[in-house]
């Protein structure tokens, strides 16, 4: 079963990291996780997803951003850009906890 391990996973994230399409920052998620009822609801969502073997479509939505690399003379080639993907913050948290549990 899914367990947030007393916020040890949440604490590691930088409050200034860019949020995904859900616009939930790590600072906000840290504040939410201090409330036991909210934390239990997050754990329940993850447990249900694991038990019924279904990943919610909400977690599958990501924001794709293309950033131009600095100091490039011309931007007419694909190598001049750096694509990044910003998934939902809640999805990142749940996946990190699951991978941590599987690893240790």
PDB file of N, CA and C in Angstrom:
ATOM      1  N   UNK A   1       0.817  -1.192   0.000  1.00  0.00           N
ATOM      2  CA  UNK A   1       0.000   0.000   0.000  1.00  0.00           C
ATOM      3  C   UNK A   1       0.860   1.254   0.000  1.00  0.00           C
ATOM      4  N   UNK A   2       0.290   2.297  -0.444  1.00  0.00           N
ATOM      5  CA  UNK A   2       0.958   3.585  -0.565  1.00  0.00           C
ATOM      6  C   UNK A   2       1.004   4.280   0.786  1.00  0.00           C
ATOM      7  N   UNK A   3       2.149   4.872   1.097  1.00  0.00           N
ATOM      8  CA  UNK A   3       2.314   5.608   2.346  1.00  0.00           C
ATOM      9  C   UNK A   3       3.284   6.751   2.081  1.00  0.00           C
ATOM     10  N   UNK A   4       2.979   7.934   2.538  1.00  0.00           N
ATOM     11  CA  UNK A   4       3.839   9.087   2.253  1.00  0.00           C
ATOM     12  C   UNK A   4       5.056   9.177   3.153  1.00  0.00           C
ATOM     13  N   UNK A   5       5.262   8.272   4.024  1.00  0.00           N
ATOM     14  CA  UNK A   5       6.454   8.211   4.882  1.00  0.00           C
ATOM     15  C   UNK A   5       6.722   9.541   5.585  1.00  0.00           C
ATOM     16  N   UNK A   6       5.677  10.088   6.195  1.00  0.00           N
ATOM     17  CA  UNK A   6       5.783  11.318   6.997  1.00  0.00           C
ATOM     18  C   UNK A   6       6.476  12.464   6.269  1.00  0.00           C
ATOM     19  N   UNK A   7       6.086  12.719   5.041  1.00  0.00           N
ATOM     20  CA  UNK A   7       6.524  13.874   4.261  1.00  0.00           C
ATOM     21  C   UNK A   7       8.004  13.848   3.865  1.00  0.00           C
ATOM     22  N   UNK A   8       8.714  12.753   4.082  1.00  0.00           N
ATOM     23  CA  UNK A   8      10.145  12.731   3.746  1.00  0.00           C
ATOM     24  C   UNK A   8      10.373  12.962   2.260  1.00  0.00           C
ATOM     25  N   UNK A   9       9.444  12.530   1.433  1.00  0.00           N
ATOM     26  CA  UNK A   9       9.575  12.748  -0.001  1.00  0.00           C
ATOM     27  C   UNK A   9       9.269  14.194  -0.360  1.00  0.00           C
ATOM     28  N   UNK A  10       8.294  14.790   0.275  1.00  0.00           N
ATOM     29  CA  UNK A  10       7.892  16.162  -0.033  1.00  0.00           C
ATOM     30  C   UNK A  10       8.971  17.157   0.377  1.00  0.00           C
ATOM     31  N   UNK A  11       9.618  16.937   1.494  1.00  0.00           N
ATOM     32  CA  UNK A  11      10.608  17.875   2.026  1.00  0.00           C
ATOM     33  C   UNK A  11      11.775  18.076   1.064  1.00  0.00           C
ATOM     34  N   UNK A  12      12.141  17.054   0.302  1.00  0.00           N
ATOM     35  CA  UNK A  12      13.310  17.114  -0.575  1.00  0.00           C
ATOM     36  C   UNK A  12      13.145  18.080  -1.744  1.00  0.00           C
ATOM     37  N   UNK A  13      11.908  18.397  -2.116  1.00  0.00           N
ATOM     38  CA  UNK A  13      11.689  19.234  -3.290  1.00  0.00           C
ATOM     39  C   UNK A  13      11.866  20.715  -2.977  1.00  0.00           C
ATOM     40  N   UNK A  14      12.418  21.418  -3.948  1.00  0.00           N
ATOM     41  CA  UNK A  14      12.647  22.854  -3.846  1.00  0.00           C
ATOM     42  C   UNK A  14      11.317  23.587  -4.045  1.00  0.00           C
ATOM     43  N   UNK A  15      11.033  24.546  -3.199  1.00  0.00           N
ATOM     44  CA  UNK A  15       9.789  25.316  -3.312  1.00  0.00           C
ATOM     45  C   UNK A  15       9.736  26.161  -4.579  1.00  0.00           C
ATOM     46  N   UNK A  16      10.867  26.413  -5.198  1.00  0.00           N
ATOM     47  CA  UNK A  16      10.914  27.286  -6.373  1.00  0.00           C
ATOM     48  C   UNK A  16      10.814  26.531  -7.686  1.00  0.00           C
ATOM     49  N   UNK A  17      10.684  25.191  -7.652  1.00  0.00           N
ATOM     50  CA  UNK A  17      10.592  24.443  -8.903  1.00  0.00           C
ATOM     51  C   UNK A  17       9.281  24.769  -9.614  1.00  0.00           C
ATOM     52  N   UNK A  18       9.312  24.666 -10.922  1.00  0.00           N
ATOM     53  CA  UNK A  18       8.174  25.053 -11.743  1.00  0.00           C
ATOM     54  C   UNK A  18       7.063  24.018 -11.651  1.00  0.00           C
ATOM     55  N   UNK A  19       5.839  24.442 -11.365  1.00  0.00           N
ATOM     56  CA  UNK A  19       4.731  23.483 -11.292  1.00  0.00           C
ATOM     57  C   UNK A  19       4.275  23.073 -12.691  1.00  0.00           C
ATOM     58  N   UNK A  20       3.551  21.982 -12.752  1.00  0.00           N
ATOM     59  CA  UNK A  20       3.024  21.489 -14.018  1.00  0.00           C
ATOM     60  C   UNK A  20       1.696  22.141 -14.355  1.00  0.00           C
ATOM     61  N   UNK A  21       0.898  21.478 -15.190  1.00  0.00           N
ATOM     62  CA  UNK A  21      -0.374  22.065 -15.619  1.00  0.00           C
ATOM     63  C   UNK A  21      -1.409  22.192 -14.510  1.00  0.00           C
ATOM     64  N   UNK A  22      -1.203  21.512 -13.385  1.00  0.00           N
ATOM     65  CA  UNK A  22      -2.151  21.652 -12.279  1.00  0.00           C
ATOM     66  C   UNK A  22      -1.898  22.913 -11.454  1.00  0.00           C
ATOM     67  N   UNK A  23      -0.751  23.567 -11.676  1.00  0.00           N
ATOM     68  CA  UNK A  23      -0.366  24.816 -11.004  1.00  0.00           C
ATOM     69  C   UNK A  23      -0.232  24.664  -9.489  1.00  0.00           C
ATOM     70  N   UNK A  24       0.012  23.440  -9.032  1.00  0.00           N
ATOM     71  CA  UNK A  24       0.238  23.209  -7.605  1.00  0.00           C
ATOM     72  C   UNK A  24       1.745  23.243  -7.376  1.00  0.00           C
ATOM     73  N   UNK A  25       2.205  24.183  -6.586  1.00  0.00           N
ATOM     74  CA  UNK A  25       3.637  24.272  -6.304  1.00  0.00           C
ATOM     75  C   UNK A  25       3.991  23.328  -5.160  1.00  0.00           C
ATOM     76  N   UNK A  26       5.282  23.042  -5.018  1.00  0.00           N
ATOM     77  CA  UNK A  26       5.716  22.184  -3.924  1.00  0.00           C
ATOM     78  C   UNK A  26       5.471  22.862  -2.578  1.00  0.00           C
ATOM     79  N   UNK A  27       5.580  24.180  -2.564  1.00  0.00           N
ATOM     80  CA  UNK A  27       5.318  24.921  -1.327  1.00  0.00           C
ATOM     81  C   UNK A  27       3.870  24.707  -0.884  1.00  0.00           C
ATOM     82  N   UNK A  28       2.958  24.758  -1.838  1.00  0.00           N
ATOM     83  CA  UNK A  28       1.542  24.545  -1.551  1.00  0.00           C
ATOM     84  C   UNK A  28       1.298  23.097  -1.120  1.00  0.00           C
ATOM     85  N   UNK A  29       1.924  22.147  -1.810  1.00  0.00           N
ATOM     86  CA  UNK A  29       1.745  20.741  -1.474  1.00  0.00           C
ATOM     87  C   UNK A  29       2.305  20.411  -0.092  1.00  0.00           C
ATOM     88  N   UNK A  30       3.400  21.077   0.277  1.00  0.00           N
ATOM     89  CA  UNK A  30       3.969  20.890   1.618  1.00  0.00           C
ATOM     90  C   UNK A  30       2.999  21.397   2.683  1.00  0.00           C
ATOM     91  N   UNK A  31       2.363  22.533   2.403  1.00  0.00           N
ATOM     92  CA  UNK A  31       1.395  23.082   3.358  1.00  0.00           C
ATOM     93  C   UNK A  31       0.164  22.185   3.472  1.00  0.00           C
ATOM     94  N   UNK A  32      -0.295  21.665   2.342  1.00  0.00           N
ATOM     95  CA  UNK A  32      -1.457  20.772   2.339  1.00  0.00           C
ATOM     96  C   UNK A  32      -1.151  19.498   3.107  1.00  0.00           C
ATOM     97  N   UNK A  33       0.057  18.977   2.937  1.00  0.00           N
ATOM     98  CA  UNK A  33       0.394  17.691   3.553  1.00  0.00           C
ATOM     99  C   UNK A  33       0.528  17.775   5.079  1.00  0.00           C
ATOM    100  N   UNK A  34       0.588  18.978   5.625  1.00  0.00           N
ATOM    101  CA  UNK A  34       0.648  19.120   7.083  1.00  0.00           C
ATOM    102  C   UNK A  34      -0.697  18.804   7.736  1.00  0.00           C
ATOM    103  N   UNK A  35      -1.775  18.938   6.946  1.00  0.00           N
ATOM    104  CA  UNK A  35      -3.105  18.586   7.448  1.00  0.00           C
ATOM    105  C   UNK A  35      -3.304  17.082   7.248  1.00  0.00           C
ATOM    106  N   UNK A  36      -3.554  16.379   8.333  1.00  0.00           N
ATOM    107  CA  UNK A  36      -3.635  14.923   8.289  1.00  0.00           C
ATOM    108  C   UNK A  36      -4.759  14.439   7.370  1.00  0.00           C
ATOM    109  N   UNK A  37      -5.901  15.131   7.356  1.00  0.00           N
ATOM    110  CA  UNK A  37      -7.022  14.714   6.507  1.00  0.00           C
ATOM    111  C   UNK A  37      -6.660  14.820   5.030  1.00  0.00           C
ATOM    112  N   UNK A  38      -5.980  15.898   4.651  1.00  0.00           N
ATOM    113  CA  UNK A  38      -5.560  16.066   3.253  1.00  0.00           C
ATOM    114  C   UNK A  38      -4.556  14.992   2.865  1.00  0.00           C
ATOM    115  N   UNK A  39      -3.630  14.717   3.750  1.00  0.00           N
ATOM    116  CA  UNK A  39      -2.614  13.700   3.499  1.00  0.00           C
ATOM    117  C   UNK A  39      -3.259  12.327   3.332  1.00  0.00           C
ATOM    118  N   UNK A  40      -4.247  12.021   4.156  1.00  0.00           N
ATOM    119  CA  UNK A  40      -4.963  10.748   4.044  1.00  0.00           C
ATOM    120  C   UNK A  40      -5.698  10.658   2.709  1.00  0.00           C
ATOM    121  N   UNK A  41      -6.271  11.769   2.242  1.00  0.00           N
ATOM    122  CA  UNK A  41      -6.964  11.765   0.955  1.00  0.00           C
ATOM    123  C   UNK A  41      -6.001  11.515  -0.202  1.00  0.00           C
ATOM    124  N   UNK A  42      -4.818  12.107  -0.147  1.00  0.00           N
ATOM    125  CA  UNK A  42      -3.816  11.873  -1.188  1.00  0.00           C
ATOM    126  C   UNK A  42      -3.404  10.400  -1.184  1.00  0.00           C
ATOM    127  N   UNK A  43      -3.190   9.847  -0.008  1.00  0.00           N
ATOM    128  CA  UNK A  43      -2.821   8.433   0.118  1.00  0.00           C
ATOM    129  C   UNK A  43      -3.956   7.547  -0.405  1.00  0.00           C
ATOM    130  N   UNK A  44      -5.196   7.893  -0.101  1.00  0.00           N
ATOM    131  CA  UNK A  44      -6.336   7.107  -0.580  1.00  0.00           C
ATOM    132  C   UNK A  44      -6.438   7.124  -2.098  1.00  0.00           C
ATOM    133  N   UNK A  45      -6.208   8.265  -2.716  1.00  0.00           N
ATOM    134  CA  UNK A  45      -6.219   8.358  -4.181  1.00  0.00           C
ATOM    135  C   UNK A  45      -5.166   7.432  -4.771  1.00  0.00           C
ATOM    136  N   UNK A  46      -3.965   7.474  -4.223  1.00  0.00           N
ATOM    137  CA  UNK A  46      -2.888   6.627  -4.721  1.00  0.00           C
ATOM    138  C   UNK A  46      -3.204   5.149  -4.503  1.00  0.00           C
ATOM    139  N   UNK A  47      -3.721   4.799  -3.343  1.00  0.00           N
ATOM    140  CA  UNK A  47      -4.053   3.400  -3.054  1.00  0.00           C
ATOM    141  C   UNK A  47      -5.123   2.859  -3.988  1.00  0.00           C
ATOM    142  N   UNK A  48      -6.140   3.658  -4.263  1.00  0.00           N
ATOM    143  CA  UNK A  48      -7.194   3.218  -5.176  1.00  0.00           C
ATOM    144  C   UNK A  48      -6.620   3.001  -6.576  1.00  0.00           C
ATOM    145  N   UNK A  49      -5.779   3.915  -7.030  1.00  0.00           N
ATOM    146  CA  UNK A  49      -5.149   3.755  -8.350  1.00  0.00           C
ATOM    147  C   UNK A  49      -4.339   2.462  -8.421  1.00  0.00           C
ATOM    148  N   UNK A  50      -3.615   2.157  -7.351  1.00  0.00           N
ATOM    149  CA  UNK A  50      -2.808   0.936  -7.316  1.00  0.00           C
ATOM    150  C   UNK A  50      -3.705  -0.298  -7.250  1.00  0.00           C
ATOM    151  N   UNK A  51      -4.727  -0.265  -6.412  1.00  0.00           N
ATOM    152  CA  UNK A  51      -5.595  -1.435  -6.227  1.00  0.00           C
ATOM    153  C   UNK A  51      -6.406  -1.784  -7.469  1.00  0.00           C
ATOM    154  N   UNK A  52      -6.905  -0.791  -8.173  1.00  0.00           N
ATOM    155  CA  UNK A  52      -7.706  -1.092  -9.363  1.00  0.00           C
ATOM    156  C   UNK A  52      -6.858  -1.102 -10.636  1.00  0.00           C
ATOM    157  N   UNK A  53      -5.571  -0.898 -10.482  1.00  0.00           N
ATOM    158  CA  UNK A  53      -4.605  -0.911 -11.582  1.00  0.00           C
ATOM    159  C   UNK A  53      -5.053   0.054 -12.687  1.00  0.00           C
ATOM    160  N   UNK A  54      -5.293   1.285 -12.283  1.00  0.00           N
ATOM    161  CA  UNK A  54      -5.722   2.315 -13.234  1.00  0.00           C
ATOM    162  C   UNK A  54      -5.083   3.637 -12.836  1.00  0.00           C
ATOM    163  N   UNK A  55      -4.411   4.274 -13.775  1.00  0.00           N
ATOM    164  CA  UNK A  55      -3.780   5.562 -13.548  1.00  0.00           C
ATOM    165  C   UNK A  55      -4.722   6.637 -14.075  1.00  0.00           C
ATOM    166  N   UNK A  56      -5.165   7.529 -13.230  1.00  0.00           N
ATOM    167  CA  UNK A  56      -6.139   8.557 -13.611  1.00  0.00           C
ATOM    168  C   UNK A  56      -5.634   9.402 -14.781  1.00  0.00           C
ATOM    169  N   UNK A  57      -6.545   9.805 -15.655  1.00  0.00           N
ATOM    170  CA  UNK A  57      -6.157  10.640 -16.793  1.00  0.00           C
ATOM    171  C   UNK A  57      -5.616  11.994 -16.333  1.00  0.00           C
ATOM    172  N   UNK A  58      -6.019  12.435 -15.156  1.00  0.00           N
ATOM    173  CA  UNK A  58      -5.509  13.677 -14.570  1.00  0.00           C
ATOM    174  C   UNK A  58      -3.991  13.607 -14.414  1.00  0.00           C
ATOM    175  N   UNK A  59      -3.474  12.427 -14.062  1.00  0.00           N
ATOM    176  CA  UNK A  59      -2.039  12.257 -13.875  1.00  0.00           C
ATOM    177  C   UNK A  59      -1.286  12.116 -15.193  1.00  0.00           C
ATOM    178  N   UNK A  60      -1.994  11.885 -16.276  1.00  0.00           N
ATOM    179  CA  UNK A  60      -1.351  11.695 -17.579  1.00  0.00           C
ATOM    180  C   UNK A  60      -1.142  13.009 -18.323  1.00  0.00           C
ATOM    181  N   UNK A  61      -1.707  14.084 -17.828  1.00  0.00           N
ATOM    182  CA  UNK A  61      -1.587  15.389 -18.480  1.00  0.00           C
ATOM    183  C   UNK A  61      -0.268  16.039 -18.076  1.00  0.00           C
ATOM    184  N   UNK A  62       0.486  16.499 -19.071  1.00  0.00           N
ATOM    185  CA  UNK A  62       1.759  17.167 -18.820  1.00  0.00           C
ATOM    186  C   UNK A  62       1.841  18.431 -19.665  1.00  0.00           C
ATOM    187  N   UNK A  63       2.705  19.313 -19.258  1.00  0.00           N
ATOM    188  CA  UNK A  63       2.950  20.547 -19.991  1.00  0.00           C
ATOM    189  C   UNK A  63       4.306  20.417 -20.676  1.00  0.00           C
ATOM    190  N   UNK A  64       4.350  20.615 -21.974  1.00  0.00           N
ATOM    191  CA  UNK A  64       5.575  20.492 -22.755  1.00  0.00           C
ATOM    192  C   UNK A  64       6.057  21.899 -23.105  1.00  0.00           C
ATOM    193  N   UNK A  65       7.275  22.224 -22.689  1.00  0.00           N
ATOM    194  CA  UNK A  65       7.828  23.562 -22.902  1.00  0.00           C
ATOM    195  C   UNK A  65       9.139  23.441 -23.673  1.00  0.00           C
ATOM    196  N   UNK A  66       9.313  24.301 -24.667  1.00  0.00           N
ATOM    197  CA  UNK A  66      10.549  24.313 -25.435  1.00  0.00           C
ATOM    198  C   UNK A  66      11.304  25.590 -25.096  1.00  0.00           C
ATOM    199  N   UNK A  67      12.523  25.424 -24.604  1.00  0.00           N
ATOM    200  CA  UNK A  67      13.340  26.557 -24.186  1.00  0.00           C
ATOM    201  C   UNK A  67      14.525  26.697 -25.140  1.00  0.00           C
ATOM    202  N   UNK A  68      14.745  27.885 -25.701  1.00  0.00           N
ATOM    203  CA  UNK A  68      15.916  28.077 -26.556  1.00  0.00           C
ATOM    204  C   UNK A  68      17.201  28.043 -25.728  1.00  0.00           C
ATOM    205  N   UNK A  69      18.214  27.340 -26.235  1.00  0.00           N
ATOM    206  CA  UNK A  69      19.495  27.287 -25.535  1.00  0.00           C
ATOM    207  C   UNK A  69      20.205  28.628 -25.676  1.00  0.00           C
ATOM    208  N   UNK A  70      20.905  29.072 -24.648  1.00  0.00           N
ATOM    209  CA  UNK A  70      21.590  30.366 -24.723  1.00  0.00           C
ATOM    210  C   UNK A  70      22.814  30.311 -25.645  1.00  0.00           C
ATOM    211  N   UNK A  71      23.195  31.456 -26.135  1.00  0.00           N
ATOM    212  CA  UNK A  71      24.404  31.644 -26.946  1.00  0.00           C
ATOM    213  C   UNK A  71      24.392  30.887 -28.263  1.00  0.00           C
ATOM    214  N   UNK A  72      23.228  30.687 -28.856  1.00  0.00           N
ATOM    215  CA  UNK A  72      23.137  30.071 -30.184  1.00  0.00           C
ATOM    216  C   UNK A  72      22.978  31.184 -31.207  1.00  0.00           C
ATOM    217  N   UNK A  73      23.756  31.083 -32.272  1.00  0.00           N
ATOM    218  CA  UNK A  73      23.723  32.121 -33.308  1.00  0.00           C
ATOM    219  C   UNK A  73      22.408  32.077 -34.072  1.00  0.00           C
ATOM    220  N   UNK A  74      21.984  30.886 -34.403  1.00  0.00           N
ATOM    221  CA  UNK A  74      20.751  30.731 -35.159  1.00  0.00           C
ATOM    222  C   UNK A  74      19.873  29.658 -34.501  1.00  0.00           C
ATOM    223  N   UNK A  75      18.602  29.837 -34.627  1.00  0.00           N
ATOM    224  CA  UNK A  75      17.673  28.894 -34.011  1.00  0.00           C
ATOM    225  C   UNK A  75      16.884  28.119 -35.077  1.00  0.00           C
ATOM    226  N   UNK A  76      17.533  27.814 -36.198  1.00  0.00           N
ATOM    227  CA  UNK A  76      16.843  27.084 -37.252  1.00  0.00           C
ATOM    228  C   UNK A  76      17.091  25.577 -37.193  1.00  0.00           C
ATOM    229  N   UNK A  77      17.831  25.098 -36.196  1.00  0.00           N
ATOM    230  CA  UNK A  77      18.012  23.647 -36.045  1.00  0.00           C
ATOM    231  C   UNK A  77      17.425  23.205 -34.702  1.00  0.00           C
ATOM    232  N   UNK A  78      17.068  21.936 -34.638  1.00  0.00           N
ATOM    233  CA  UNK A  78      16.449  21.406 -33.424  1.00  0.00           C
ATOM    234  C   UNK A  78      17.414  21.356 -32.247  1.00  0.00           C
ATOM    235  N   UNK A  79      18.705  21.283 -32.509  1.00  0.00           N
ATOM    236  CA  UNK A  79      19.697  21.212 -31.433  1.00  0.00           C
ATOM    237  C   UNK A  79      19.830  22.526 -30.664  1.00  0.00           C
ATOM    238  N   UNK A  80      19.217  23.570 -31.158  1.00  0.00           N
ATOM    239  CA  UNK A  80      19.294  24.873 -30.495  1.00  0.00           C
ATOM    240  C   UNK A  80      18.224  25.028 -29.413  1.00  0.00           C
ATOM    241  N   UNK A  81      17.417  23.999 -29.207  1.00  0.00           N
ATOM    242  CA  UNK A  81      16.323  24.085 -28.249  1.00  0.00           C
ATOM    243  C   UNK A  81      16.408  22.945 -27.239  1.00  0.00           C
ATOM    244  N   UNK A  82      15.882  23.195 -26.062  1.00  0.00           N
ATOM    245  CA  UNK A  82      15.874  22.187 -24.996  1.00  0.00           C
ATOM    246  C   UNK A  82      14.420  21.948 -24.572  1.00  0.00           C
ATOM    247  N   UNK A  83      13.844  20.804 -24.952  1.00  0.00           N
ATOM    248  CA  UNK A  83      12.459  20.524 -24.540  1.00  0.00           C
ATOM    249  C   UNK A  83      12.419  19.969 -23.116  1.00  0.00           C
ATOM    250  N   UNK A  84      11.453  20.415 -22.339  1.00  0.00           N
ATOM    251  CA  UNK A  84      11.243  19.857 -21.000  1.00  0.00           C
ATOM    252  C   UNK A  84       9.759  19.528 -20.832  1.00  0.00           C
ATOM    253  N   UNK A  85       9.491  18.559 -19.997  1.00  0.00           N
ATOM    254  CA  UNK A  85       8.119  18.144 -19.723  1.00  0.00           C
ATOM    255  C   UNK A  85       7.838  18.398 -18.245  1.00  0.00           C
ATOM    256  N   UNK A  86       6.735  19.068 -17.979  1.00  0.00           N
ATOM    257  CA  UNK A  86       6.330  19.380 -16.604  1.00  0.00           C
ATOM    258  C   UNK A  86       5.058  18.605 -16.282  1.00  0.00           C
ATOM    259  N   UNK A  87       5.192  17.466 -15.588  1.00  0.00           N
ATOM    260  CA  UNK A  87       3.989  16.712 -15.201  1.00  0.00           C
ATOM    261  C   UNK A  87       3.306  17.357 -13.998  1.00  0.00           C
ATOM    262  N   UNK A  88       2.123  16.878 -13.678  1.00  0.00           N
ATOM    263  CA  UNK A  88       1.405  17.357 -12.493  1.00  0.00           C
ATOM    264  C   UNK A  88       2.227  17.093 -11.238  1.00  0.00           C
ATOM    265  N   UNK A  89       2.217  18.026 -10.317  1.00  0.00           N
ATOM    266  CA  UNK A  89       3.009  17.919  -9.097  1.00  0.00           C
ATOM    267  C   UNK A  89       2.555  16.743  -8.236  1.00  0.00           C
ATOM    268  N   UNK A  90       1.263  16.539  -8.137  1.00  0.00           N
ATOM    269  CA  UNK A  90       0.742  15.429  -7.352  1.00  0.00           C
ATOM    270  C   UNK A  90       1.175  14.093  -7.949  1.00  0.00           C
ATOM    271  N   UNK A  91       1.196  14.014  -9.261  1.00  0.00           N
ATOM    272  CA  UNK A  91       1.661  12.804  -9.945  1.00  0.00           C
ATOM    273  C   UNK A  91       3.130  12.543  -9.623  1.00  0.00           C
ATOM    274  N   UNK A  92       3.947  13.607  -9.650  1.00  0.00           N
ATOM    275  CA  UNK A  92       5.371  13.450  -9.335  1.00  0.00           C
ATOM    276  C   UNK A  92       5.549  12.913  -7.920  1.00  0.00           C
ATOM    277  N   UNK A  93       4.777  13.440  -6.989  1.00  0.00           N
ATOM    278  CA  UNK A  93       4.880  12.996  -5.600  1.00  0.00           C
ATOM    279  C   UNK A  93       4.525  11.520  -5.465  1.00  0.00           C
ATOM    280  N   UNK A  94       3.411  11.113  -6.042  1.00  0.00           N
ATOM    281  CA  UNK A  94       2.964   9.725  -5.928  1.00  0.00           C
ATOM    282  C   UNK A  94       3.964   8.784  -6.595  1.00  0.00           C
ATOM    283  N   UNK A  95       4.474   9.143  -7.768  1.00  0.00           N
ATOM    284  CA  UNK A  95       5.445   8.289  -8.456  1.00  0.00           C
ATOM    285  C   UNK A  95       6.749   8.179  -7.673  1.00  0.00           C
ATOM    286  N   UNK A  96       7.192   9.273  -7.058  1.00  0.00           N
ATOM    287  CA  UNK A  96       8.423   9.243  -6.264  1.00  0.00           C
ATOM    288  C   UNK A  96       8.281   8.318  -5.059  1.00  0.00           C
ATOM    289  N   UNK A  97       7.152   8.390  -4.398  1.00  0.00           N
ATOM    290  CA  UNK A  97       6.934   7.544  -3.226  1.00  0.00           C
ATOM    291  C   UNK A  97       6.860   6.077  -3.648  1.00  0.00           C
ATOM    292  N   UNK A  98       6.160   5.791  -4.735  1.00  0.00           N
ATOM    293  CA  UNK A  98       6.068   4.409  -5.217  1.00  0.00           C
ATOM    294  C   UNK A  98       7.458   3.891  -5.596  1.00  0.00           C
ATOM    295  N   UNK A  99       8.231   4.663  -6.327  1.00  0.00           N
ATOM    296  CA  UNK A  99       9.563   4.207  -6.732  1.00  0.00           C
ATOM    297  C   UNK A  99      10.493   4.039  -5.522  1.00  0.00           C
ATOM    298  N   UNK A 100      10.343   4.908  -4.527  1.00  0.00           N
ATOM    299  CA  UNK A 100      11.139   4.786  -3.314  1.00  0.00           C
ATOM    300  C   UNK A 100      10.778   3.502  -2.568  1.00  0.00           C
ATOM    301  N   UNK A 101       9.492   3.206  -2.489  1.00  0.00           N
ATOM    302  CA  UNK A 101       9.054   1.977  -1.818  1.00  0.00           C
ATOM    303  C   UNK A 101       9.544   0.739  -2.555  1.00  0.00           C
ATOM    304  N   UNK A 102       9.529   0.775  -3.892  1.00  0.00           N
ATOM    305  CA  UNK A 102      10.001  -0.372  -4.662  1.00  0.00           C
ATOM    306  C   UNK A 102      11.517  -0.537  -4.563  1.00  0.00           C
ATOM    307  N   UNK A 103      12.216   0.564  -4.456  1.00  0.00           N
ATOM    308  CA  UNK A 103      13.666   0.527  -4.406  1.00  0.00           C
ATOM    309  C   UNK A 103      14.187   0.054  -3.052  1.00  0.00           C
ATOM    310  N   UNK A 104      13.546   0.482  -1.977  1.00  0.00           N
ATOM    311  CA  UNK A 104      14.040   0.135  -0.635  1.00  0.00           C
ATOM    312  C   UNK A 104      13.070  -0.794   0.024  1.00  0.00           C
TER     313      UNK A 104
END
